[in-house]
Protein backbone atom coordinates (compact mmCIF):
# COMPACT_ATOMS: atom_id res chain seq x y z
CA MET A 1 134.30 -73.48 -15.23
CA LEU A 2 134.77 -71.98 -11.80
CA SER A 3 135.52 -75.35 -10.21
CA ASP A 4 138.68 -75.47 -12.33
CA TYR A 5 140.13 -72.70 -10.14
CA ILE A 6 139.18 -74.04 -6.71
CA ALA A 7 140.96 -77.09 -5.27
CA PRO A 8 140.07 -78.87 -2.00
CA GLU A 9 143.14 -77.32 -0.36
CA PHE A 10 141.80 -73.85 -1.25
CA VAL A 11 138.78 -74.13 1.07
CA SER A 12 138.80 -73.79 4.84
CA VAL A 13 136.45 -73.40 7.77
CA ASP A 14 139.06 -73.16 10.51
CA ASN A 15 139.97 -69.52 10.11
CA GLU A 16 140.11 -67.91 13.56
CA SER A 17 141.15 -64.45 12.39
CA VAL A 18 140.82 -61.46 14.67
CA THR A 19 141.15 -58.66 12.08
CA TYR A 20 140.25 -58.32 8.44
CA GLN A 21 143.98 -58.22 7.66
CA ASP A 22 144.38 -61.62 9.34
CA ALA A 23 141.36 -62.99 7.46
CA ILE A 24 142.72 -61.86 4.08
CA ALA A 25 146.19 -63.24 4.83
CA PHE A 26 144.75 -66.58 5.98
CA ALA A 27 142.45 -66.93 2.97
CA GLY A 28 145.31 -66.07 0.61
CA LYS A 29 147.78 -68.46 2.24
CA ALA A 30 146.41 -71.53 0.44
CA LEU A 31 146.99 -69.86 -2.94
CA LEU A 32 150.40 -68.64 -1.77
CA ASP A 33 151.47 -72.11 -0.61
CA ALA A 34 150.33 -73.65 -3.92
CA GLY A 35 152.32 -71.13 -5.97
CA TYR A 36 149.31 -69.31 -7.40
CA ILE A 37 150.16 -65.93 -5.87
CA THR A 38 153.08 -64.22 -4.16
CA GLN A 39 153.20 -62.56 -0.75
CA ASP A 40 153.09 -59.24 -2.59
CA TYR A 41 149.57 -60.10 -3.77
CA ILE A 42 148.40 -60.71 -0.20
CA ASP A 43 150.01 -57.43 0.87
CA ALA A 44 148.29 -55.61 -2.02
CA MET A 45 144.88 -57.05 -1.06
CA ILE A 46 145.35 -55.88 2.52
CA GLU A 47 146.48 -52.44 1.34
CA ILE A 48 143.35 -52.11 -0.78
CA ALA A 49 141.15 -53.25 2.13
CA ASP A 50 142.83 -50.66 4.36
CA HIS A 51 141.65 -47.85 2.09
CA SER A 52 138.49 -49.12 0.45
CA LYS A 53 135.66 -51.28 1.70
CA TYR A 54 134.35 -52.22 -1.76
CA ILE A 55 135.72 -55.74 -1.30
CA VAL A 56 132.75 -56.50 0.97
CA ILE A 57 130.37 -57.44 -1.84
CA CYS A 58 127.23 -58.37 0.08
CA PRO A 59 126.20 -59.06 3.68
CA ARG A 60 128.79 -61.29 5.40
CA VAL A 61 130.91 -61.82 2.24
CA ALA A 62 134.24 -60.20 1.31
CA MET A 63 136.10 -60.83 -1.92
CA PRO A 64 139.58 -59.33 -1.59
CA HIS A 65 141.61 -59.06 -4.76
CA ALA A 66 144.20 -56.79 -6.35
CA LYS A 67 145.68 -56.16 -9.76
CA SER A 68 147.27 -59.22 -11.32
CA GLU A 69 150.59 -57.38 -11.59
CA ALA A 70 150.75 -57.40 -7.79
CA GLY A 71 151.71 -61.08 -7.82
CA VAL A 72 149.26 -63.47 -9.50
CA LEU A 73 151.07 -66.44 -11.06
CA LYS A 74 148.03 -68.65 -11.87
CA ASN A 75 144.27 -68.19 -11.85
CA GLY A 76 142.80 -69.35 -8.57
CA ILE A 77 140.15 -68.83 -5.93
CA SER A 78 140.25 -69.65 -2.24
CA ILE A 79 137.26 -69.68 0.08
CA SER A 80 137.58 -69.31 3.83
CA LYS A 81 134.66 -69.47 6.25
CA LEU A 82 135.55 -67.61 9.43
CA GLN A 83 134.99 -69.20 12.84
CA THR A 84 134.02 -65.81 14.24
CA PRO A 85 132.81 -63.00 11.97
CA VAL A 86 135.27 -60.14 11.49
CA LYS A 87 134.64 -56.43 11.01
CA PHE A 88 135.79 -55.11 7.64
CA TYR A 89 134.29 -51.71 8.56
CA HIS A 90 131.73 -51.77 5.77
CA PRO A 91 128.81 -49.46 6.61
CA GLU A 92 126.11 -52.01 5.74
CA HIS A 93 127.50 -55.54 5.36
CA ASP A 94 129.58 -56.21 8.49
CA PRO A 95 130.55 -58.49 10.05
CA VAL A 96 132.10 -60.75 7.40
CA SER A 97 131.92 -64.54 7.76
CA LEU A 98 133.15 -65.60 4.32
CA VAL A 99 136.36 -64.46 2.61
CA ILE A 100 136.82 -65.36 -1.05
CA VAL A 101 140.22 -64.51 -2.53
CA LEU A 102 140.11 -63.95 -6.27
CA ALA A 103 143.38 -64.19 -8.23
CA GLY A 104 143.24 -63.64 -11.98
CA LYS A 105 146.56 -63.67 -13.80
CA ASP A 106 145.41 -61.06 -16.33
CA HIS A 107 142.53 -58.66 -16.85
CA ASN A 108 140.44 -61.05 -18.96
CA SER A 109 140.93 -63.95 -16.52
CA HIS A 110 140.05 -61.67 -13.63
CA LEU A 111 136.78 -60.64 -15.30
CA GLU A 112 135.94 -64.23 -16.22
CA LEU A 113 136.50 -65.48 -12.66
CA LEU A 114 134.57 -62.55 -11.24
CA GLY A 115 131.65 -63.19 -13.58
CA GLU A 116 131.39 -66.89 -12.81
CA LEU A 117 131.75 -66.30 -9.08
CA SER A 118 129.10 -63.57 -9.22
CA VAL A 119 126.59 -65.99 -10.75
CA PHE A 120 127.14 -68.40 -7.86
CA LEU A 121 127.01 -65.70 -5.18
CA ASP A 122 123.95 -64.07 -6.70
CA ASP A 123 121.94 -67.01 -5.36
CA GLU A 124 121.29 -66.26 -1.69
CA ASP A 125 120.69 -69.95 -1.04
CA ASN A 126 124.29 -70.70 -2.04
CA ILE A 127 125.61 -68.15 0.44
CA ARG A 128 123.30 -69.43 3.16
CA GLU A 129 124.48 -73.01 2.53
CA ILE A 130 128.15 -72.02 2.59
CA LEU A 131 127.67 -70.16 5.85
CA SER A 132 125.97 -73.20 7.41
CA VAL A 133 128.77 -75.72 6.79
CA THR A 134 130.89 -76.81 9.73
CA THR A 135 133.70 -78.77 8.09
CA LYS A 136 136.13 -78.27 5.23
CA GLU A 137 134.75 -81.42 3.62
CA GLU A 138 131.19 -80.07 3.67
CA LEU A 139 132.39 -76.80 2.15
CA TRP A 140 134.30 -78.60 -0.59
CA GLU A 141 131.29 -80.83 -1.39
CA LEU A 142 129.09 -77.76 -1.70
CA ILE A 143 131.58 -75.85 -3.85
CA SER A 144 132.39 -78.77 -6.13
CA GLY A 145 128.72 -79.66 -6.61
CA LYS A 146 129.04 -83.08 -4.98
CA GLY A 147 126.64 -84.45 -2.42
CA GLY A 148 123.51 -83.81 -4.48
CA ASN A 149 123.67 -80.00 -4.45
CA LYS A 150 122.16 -78.95 -7.76
CA ASN A 151 123.59 -75.44 -7.37
CA GLY A 152 127.23 -76.45 -6.82
CA ILE A 153 129.99 -74.92 -8.87
CA SER A 154 130.83 -77.57 -11.41
């Protein structure tokens, strides 16, 4: 289950990034601090974002990730709602308000996490609800499926 890879300390709503590089680094920091990824993984995600805008997966949502060999130690996902939307220079989906870092420790794990996350993000109501939260606690309740949200990840 997707909720197995997201911990309360992996969600934030206090990201005041100015650039997409800052937003990726901030969103990845929770996984870095918990020992799920290395700094090399954050650097690799930024490098990919510098050359390809495919990480912006839908309006207002970016999902930076890189190859597991770049520094994934454990499977994990962090979710960071930005205080102020940031340009990722995507031709259709800028500015980005939600950064979801995906870290799969191998190819199969990566695909599994991506698949489960895609199911959740495919529901526009889920994205709308995430973008409306104002506190870390509200974001965690929504993600974990608590607080009566029938669509939560649990």
